[in-house]
Amino acid sequence: MRNIVSALCGALAAICMSAGVMLHYVQTLADQPEPAREIVGALADDKNVVNLLQEKILGAAFDQGSLQDLIPDFLKDSLREGMDSVLTGALSDPGFRDAWYQSIDETRASYVTRLEMMNSWEIIVPAPNFGAADTAGPTLILEARPFAALGIQKLDDLLRPVGLSSVVDGLRNGGAVEIPLNLPDPHVVSPRTMAWWLAVSKQWLWLYVAAVVLVLVGVLIGQGRGKAVSVLVGAAVLLILSRVVAMWASDARAGGDAIGLGGQLDPFASVVRDRLLAGLAGHLDIRAEWLWNAGLIGAIVGAVFLLLLMLTSRSRR
């Protein structure tokens, strides 16, 4: 009986360690700028993305109701053309990459903040009606203001001579320029679920602590070769879970439906989604490799431990 409990402790230790690895990754994505920049930063070099981004920024900035009220009707078409030209120059500016990184950082921070506000009930999201999909809540919104800021001075030079400096002031001091991405797809993974996972991810350190404690308990309560078997069981579970994480990476490469990043999107959001999937798949592959290596090390340690116990038992006989 003690050896069965010992083996269970080994298996639970492997589960806790694997969960700690994945939740630590979630927390790193939420808190640190580097992973998100690494995933989608390369889009700044894609000319198709830049062209799509220009159209999105123009629509998000120019179509704001507060700005429309400031623009005379007879100037709207020519002004839109002028803003289009200005954005073309701004998005080829040397500072574009810095603006792209700033946009990534603001997008990540905004999304995480809104999820945390859901957890703290600062944002009240009503529960769905019985049988209805739970789709209410925040999704990713690209904060495009850093890009718009690149062209503000050029817009100022364009508009101030014709008495429309108030439009530039509206862009400079007005609301955010936002491009909804609708990611993750709320029909696949609800925002409420994302908020819950964000809250749980903060406990990653305790999972590592639990894994260490369970390993020690498994070894201490095991009898004879049961001590080594506990380590070997934990190693086997780690190897299995590493393949599960690798399967998630494959799902990401296959289109992302299983992880809430599938579905039909507009062209710009689709490009961002594809890059997110590729980046997440790469990061998941790294975590799968960590768990696989940890499992192999555990298997070697357990095998050596078992061999030593067997030799010790023989020498005593």
Protein backbone atom coordinates (compact mmCIF):
# COMPACT_ATOMS: atom_id res chain seq x y z
CA MET A 1 0.00 0.00 0.00
CA ARG A 2 2.81 2.42 0.87
CA ASN A 3 4.46 1.78 -2.49
CA ILE A 4 1.19 2.54 -4.30
CA VAL A 5 0.90 5.86 -2.45
CA SER A 6 4.57 6.50 -3.22
CA ALA A 7 3.97 5.94 -6.95
CA LEU A 8 0.92 8.22 -6.85
CA CYS A 9 3.06 10.93 -5.25
CA GLY A 10 5.55 10.57 -8.10
CA ALA A 11 2.79 10.93 -10.70
CA LEU A 12 1.27 13.93 -8.92
CA ALA A 13 4.72 15.55 -8.69
CA ALA A 14 5.09 15.25 -12.48
CA ILE A 15 1.64 16.75 -13.02
CA CYS A 16 2.41 19.66 -10.69
CA MET A 17 5.73 20.30 -12.39
CA SER A 18 4.16 20.26 -15.87
CA ALA A 19 1.35 22.56 -14.76
CA GLY A 20 3.91 24.88 -13.17
CA VAL A 21 5.89 25.08 -16.42
CA MET A 22 2.81 25.97 -18.47
CA LEU A 23 1.33 28.41 -15.96
CA HIS A 24 4.71 30.11 -15.58
CA TYR A 25 4.69 30.57 -19.36
CA VAL A 26 1.19 32.09 -19.22
CA GLN A 27 2.31 34.47 -16.48
CA THR A 28 5.43 35.41 -18.45
CA LEU A 29 3.30 36.16 -21.51
CA ALA A 30 1.04 38.36 -19.39
CA ASP A 31 3.73 40.24 -17.44
CA GLN A 32 6.83 40.41 -19.63
CA PRO A 33 7.09 42.24 -23.00
CA GLU A 34 9.75 39.98 -24.55
CA PRO A 35 7.64 36.87 -25.40
CA ALA A 36 4.91 38.85 -27.15
CA ARG A 37 7.49 40.94 -29.00
CA GLU A 38 9.26 37.77 -30.07
CA ILE A 39 6.02 36.25 -31.37
CA VAL A 40 4.60 39.14 -33.41
CA GLY A 41 7.52 41.54 -33.70
CA ALA A 42 8.52 40.14 -37.09
CA LEU A 43 5.27 41.43 -38.61
CA ALA A 44 6.86 44.88 -38.73
CA ASP A 45 8.95 43.65 -41.68
CA ASP A 46 5.96 42.35 -43.66
CA LYS A 47 4.91 44.91 -46.29
CA ASN A 48 1.44 43.35 -46.63
CA VAL A 49 0.91 43.76 -42.89
CA VAL A 50 2.06 47.39 -43.04
CA ASN A 51 -0.40 48.12 -45.87
CA LEU A 52 -3.27 46.44 -44.02
CA LEU A 53 -2.29 48.27 -40.84
CA GLN A 54 -2.39 51.60 -42.65
CA GLU A 55 -5.99 50.97 -43.76
CA LYS A 56 -6.99 49.92 -40.24
CA ILE A 57 -5.38 52.94 -38.57
CA LEU A 58 -6.97 55.30 -41.06
CA GLY A 59 -10.39 53.86 -40.41
CA ALA A 60 -9.97 53.71 -36.62
CA ALA A 61 -8.61 57.27 -36.35
CA PHE A 62 -10.57 59.11 -39.02
CA ASP A 63 -13.96 57.54 -38.31
CA GLN A 64 -14.02 58.50 -34.62
CA GLY A 65 -17.26 60.38 -34.03
CA SER A 66 -15.54 63.08 -31.98
CA LEU A 67 -13.18 63.85 -34.89
CA GLN A 68 -15.88 63.68 -37.54
CA ASP A 69 -17.70 66.51 -35.78
CA LEU A 70 -14.61 68.71 -36.14
CA ILE A 71 -14.21 68.21 -39.90
CA PRO A 72 -16.34 70.16 -42.41
CA ASP A 73 -18.13 67.85 -44.86
CA PHE A 74 -16.53 69.41 -47.94
CA LEU A 75 -13.04 68.64 -46.60
CA LYS A 76 -13.55 65.03 -45.48
CA ASP A 77 -12.57 63.29 -48.72
CA SER A 78 -9.49 65.41 -49.40
CA LEU A 79 -8.47 65.24 -45.76
CA ARG A 80 -8.77 61.45 -45.75
CA GLU A 81 -6.50 61.31 -48.81
CA GLY A 82 -4.02 63.61 -47.08
CA MET A 83 -4.06 61.46 -43.93
CA ASP A 84 -3.54 58.37 -46.09
CA SER A 85 -0.45 59.96 -47.62
CA VAL A 86 0.84 61.04 -44.22
CA LEU A 87 0.39 57.53 -42.78
CA THR A 88 2.25 56.06 -45.75
CA GLY A 89 5.24 58.19 -44.82
CA ALA A 90 4.82 57.54 -41.11
CA LEU A 91 4.74 53.76 -41.51
CA SER A 92 7.98 53.86 -43.48
CA ASP A 93 9.56 56.01 -40.77
CA PRO A 94 12.67 54.60 -39.01
CA GLY A 95 10.69 54.74 -35.77
CA PHE A 96 8.06 52.33 -37.08
CA ARG A 97 9.59 49.27 -35.40
CA ASP A 98 9.70 51.05 -32.03
CA ALA A 99 6.06 52.04 -32.51
CA TRP A 100 5.22 48.42 -33.38
CA TYR A 101 6.86 47.17 -30.17
CA GLN A 102 5.09 49.86 -28.17
CA SER A 103 1.79 48.84 -29.74
CA ILE A 104 2.44 45.18 -28.83
CA ASP A 105 3.23 46.18 -25.23
CA GLU A 106 0.12 48.35 -24.92
CA THR A 107 -2.08 45.68 -26.50
CA ARG A 108 -0.79 43.01 -24.10
CA ALA A 109 -1.09 45.27 -21.05
CA SER A 110 -4.60 46.40 -21.99
CA TYR A 111 -5.84 42.85 -22.51
CA VAL A 112 -4.32 41.57 -19.28
CA THR A 113 -5.68 44.56 -17.34
CA ARG A 114 -9.20 43.96 -18.62
CA LEU A 115 -9.00 40.26 -17.72
CA GLU A 116 -7.76 41.15 -14.24
CA MET A 117 -10.62 43.63 -13.88
CA MET A 118 -12.98 40.76 -14.68
CA ASN A 119 -11.39 38.71 -11.91
CA SER A 120 -11.68 41.57 -9.42
CA TRP A 121 -15.28 42.33 -10.52
CA GLU A 122 -14.34 45.82 -11.71
CA ILE A 123 -15.77 44.69 -15.03
CA ILE A 124 -19.07 42.90 -14.55
CA VAL A 125 -19.73 40.32 -17.24
CA PRO A 126 -23.19 38.79 -16.81
CA ALA A 127 -23.47 35.04 -16.98
CA PRO A 128 -25.01 33.73 -20.21
CA ASN A 129 -28.59 32.56 -20.36
CA PHE A 130 -29.13 28.84 -20.00
CA GLY A 131 -27.92 27.07 -23.14
CA ALA A 132 -26.31 30.22 -24.60
CA ALA A 133 -22.60 30.54 -25.39
CA ASP A 134 -20.51 32.40 -22.82
CA THR A 135 -18.90 34.91 -25.22
CA ALA A 136 -19.13 38.19 -23.28
CA GLY A 137 -15.94 39.87 -22.11
CA PRO A 138 -12.65 41.29 -23.41
CA THR A 139 -10.72 40.02 -26.41
CA LEU A 140 -7.49 41.31 -27.94
CA ILE A 141 -7.63 44.87 -29.31
CA LEU A 142 -4.55 46.20 -31.11
CA GLU A 143 -3.64 49.55 -29.61
CA ALA A 144 -2.63 51.45 -32.76
CA ARG A 145 -2.09 54.86 -31.20
CA PRO A 146 1.75 54.56 -31.33
CA PHE A 147 1.49 54.28 -35.13
CA ALA A 148 -0.90 57.21 -35.39
CA ALA A 149 1.49 59.23 -33.23
CA LEU A 150 4.19 58.80 -35.88
CA GLY A 151 2.13 60.89 -38.29
CA ILE A 152 0.68 63.45 -35.91
CA GLN A 153 3.40 66.02 -36.50
CA LYS A 154 3.13 65.59 -40.25
CA LEU A 155 -0.64 65.95 -39.96
CA ASP A 156 -0.12 69.09 -37.93
CA ASP A 157 1.96 70.55 -40.75
CA LEU A 158 -0.79 69.59 -43.20
CA LEU A 159 -3.84 70.80 -41.29
CA ARG A 160 -2.75 73.77 -39.20
CA PRO A 161 -2.35 76.12 -42.21
CA VAL A 162 -6.00 75.49 -43.18
CA GLY A 163 -7.32 76.03 -39.66
CA LEU A 164 -7.89 72.37 -38.76
CA SER A 165 -5.37 72.04 -35.95
CA SER A 166 -8.27 70.94 -33.71
CA VAL A 167 -8.38 67.67 -35.66
CA VAL A 168 -4.73 66.98 -34.82
CA ASP A 169 -5.36 67.97 -31.21
CA GLY A 170 -8.25 65.49 -31.20
CA LEU A 171 -5.94 62.74 -32.40
CA ARG A 172 -3.21 63.75 -29.97
CA ASN A 173 -5.42 64.09 -26.91
CA GLY A 174 -8.48 62.07 -27.84
CA GLY A 175 -9.45 58.46 -27.42
CA ALA A 176 -7.29 55.49 -28.26
CA VAL A 177 -6.94 54.30 -31.84
CA GLU A 178 -8.00 50.69 -31.50
CA ILE A 179 -8.26 47.79 -33.97
CA PRO A 180 -10.42 44.88 -32.66
CA LEU A 181 -8.85 41.48 -33.39
CA ASN A 182 -11.51 39.29 -31.72
CA LEU A 183 -8.82 36.91 -30.44
CA PRO A 184 -9.03 34.41 -28.83
CA ASP A 185 -12.31 33.50 -30.51
CA PRO A 186 -14.87 33.91 -27.67
CA HIS A 187 -17.02 31.16 -29.22
CA VAL A 188 -14.16 28.68 -28.70
CA VAL A 189 -12.54 29.96 -25.48
CA SER A 190 -14.68 32.37 -23.48
CA PRO A 191 -13.10 35.54 -22.00
CA ARG A 192 -14.27 34.29 -18.60
CA THR A 193 -12.12 31.18 -19.06
CA MET A 194 -9.13 33.30 -20.13
CA ALA A 195 -9.54 35.46 -17.02
CA TRP A 196 -9.67 32.35 -14.83
CA TRP A 197 -6.49 30.93 -16.36
CA LEU A 198 -4.73 34.26 -15.83
CA ALA A 199 -5.68 34.18 -12.14
CA VAL A 200 -4.55 30.56 -11.77
CA SER A 201 -1.24 31.25 -13.52
CA LYS A 202 -0.15 33.43 -10.61
CA GLN A 203 0.17 30.26 -8.50
CA TRP A 204 2.88 28.67 -10.68
CA LEU A 205 5.54 28.85 -7.95
CA TRP A 206 3.39 26.88 -5.52
CA LEU A 207 3.07 24.12 -8.09
CA TYR A 208 6.86 23.83 -8.27
CA VAL A 209 6.98 23.69 -4.46
CA ALA A 210 4.27 21.01 -4.43
CA ALA A 211 6.21 18.98 -7.02
CA VAL A 212 9.35 18.99 -4.85
CA VAL A 213 7.40 18.08 -1.71
CA LEU A 214 5.58 15.23 -3.48
CA VAL A 215 8.84 13.80 -4.81
CA LEU A 216 10.34 13.81 -1.32
CA VAL A 217 7.20 12.30 0.21
CA GLY A 218 7.10 9.60 -2.47
CA VAL A 219 10.72 8.63 -1.84
CA LEU A 220 10.36 8.74 1.95
CA ILE A 221 7.22 6.62 2.26
CA GLY A 222 8.21 4.09 -0.43
CA GLN A 223 9.51 0.75 0.73
CA GLY A 224 12.53 -0.88 -0.86
CA ARG A 225 12.41 -0.65 -4.63
CA GLY A 226 9.17 1.34 -4.31
CA LYS A 227 11.29 4.45 -3.73
CA ALA A 228 12.87 4.13 -7.17
CA VAL A 229 9.56 3.13 -8.75
CA SER A 230 8.05 6.41 -7.49
CA VAL A 231 10.74 8.35 -9.36
CA LEU A 232 10.29 6.22 -12.49
CA VAL A 233 6.51 6.71 -12.45
CA GLY A 234 7.00 10.46 -12.19
CA ALA A 235 9.45 10.39 -15.08
CA ALA A 236 7.00 8.39 -17.23
CA VAL A 237 4.21 10.88 -16.52
CA LEU A 238 6.52 13.76 -17.46
CA LEU A 239 7.32 12.08 -20.77
CA ILE A 240 3.62 11.58 -21.49
CA LEU A 241 2.73 15.18 -20.58
CA SER A 242 5.54 16.50 -22.77
CA ARG A 243 3.80 14.80 -25.72
CA VAL A 244 0.52 16.45 -24.71
CA VAL A 245 2.19 19.87 -24.86
CA ALA A 246 3.76 18.95 -28.20
CA MET A 247 0.25 18.04 -29.42
CA TRP A 248 -0.95 21.54 -28.42
CA ALA A 249 1.88 22.97 -30.52
CA SER A 250 0.70 20.83 -33.45
CA ASP A 251 -2.85 22.10 -32.92
CA ALA A 252 -1.54 25.67 -33.11
CA ARG A 253 0.21 24.93 -36.40
CA ALA A 254 -2.91 23.24 -37.75
CA GLY A 255 -5.02 26.37 -37.43
CA GLY A 256 -5.57 27.02 -33.75
CA ASP A 257 -9.25 26.02 -33.45
CA ALA A 258 -8.50 23.84 -30.43
CA ILE A 259 -6.85 26.72 -28.55
CA GLY A 260 -9.31 29.47 -29.43
CA LEU A 261 -7.35 31.03 -32.29
CA GLY A 262 -9.27 29.63 -35.23
CA GLY A 263 -12.31 30.92 -37.08
CA GLN A 264 -12.92 33.47 -39.83
CA LEU A 265 -11.30 36.88 -39.33
CA ASP A 266 -10.71 40.01 -41.39
CA PRO A 267 -7.42 40.03 -43.38
CA PHE A 268 -5.38 42.00 -40.84
CA ALA A 269 -6.55 40.02 -37.80
CA SER A 270 -5.98 36.83 -39.78
CA VAL A 271 -2.34 37.74 -40.43
CA VAL A 272 -1.82 38.58 -36.74
CA ARG A 273 -3.53 35.32 -35.76
CA ASP A 274 -1.28 33.27 -38.06
CA ARG A 275 1.83 34.85 -36.57
CA LEU A 276 0.49 34.28 -33.04
CA LEU A 277 -0.06 30.62 -33.85
CA ALA A 278 3.42 30.18 -35.28
CA GLY A 279 5.02 31.92 -32.30
CA LEU A 280 2.95 30.03 -29.72
CA ALA A 281 3.74 26.74 -31.44
CA GLY A 282 7.46 27.48 -31.18
CA HIS A 283 7.18 28.42 -27.50
CA LEU A 284 5.10 25.33 -26.73
CA ASP A 285 7.69 23.16 -28.48
CA ILE A 286 10.32 24.60 -26.13
CA ARG A 287 8.21 23.74 -23.06
CA ALA A 288 7.54 20.26 -24.44
CA GLU A 289 11.28 19.76 -24.86
CA TRP A 290 11.91 20.92 -21.29
CA LEU A 291 9.41 18.40 -19.93
CA TRP A 292 10.78 15.63 -22.17
CA ASN A 293 14.33 16.29 -20.97
CA ALA A 294 13.17 16.43 -17.36
CA GLY A 295 11.42 13.10 -17.87
CA LEU A 296 14.55 11.53 -19.36
CA ILE A 297 16.67 12.80 -16.47
CA GLY A 298 14.10 11.47 -14.02
CA ALA A 299 14.10 8.09 -15.78
CA ILE A 300 17.90 7.89 -15.61
CA VAL A 301 17.94 8.89 -11.94
CA GLY A 302 15.17 6.39 -11.15
CA ALA A 303 16.93 3.60 -13.03
CA VAL A 304 20.23 4.27 -11.27
CA PHE A 305 18.41 4.49 -7.94
CA LEU A 306 16.68 1.15 -8.64
CA LEU A 307 19.98 -0.47 -9.63
CA LEU A 308 21.64 0.74 -6.43
CA LEU A 309 18.76 -0.58 -4.33
CA MET A 310 18.99 -3.96 -6.07
CA LEU A 311 22.77 -4.14 -5.54
CA THR A 312 22.39 -3.12 -1.91
CA SER A 313 19.72 -5.77 -1.39
CA ARG A 314 21.98 -8.47 -2.89
CA SER A 315 25.00 -7.47 -0.83
CA ARG A 316 22.91 -7.73 2.34
CA ARG A 317 21.82 -11.21 1.38
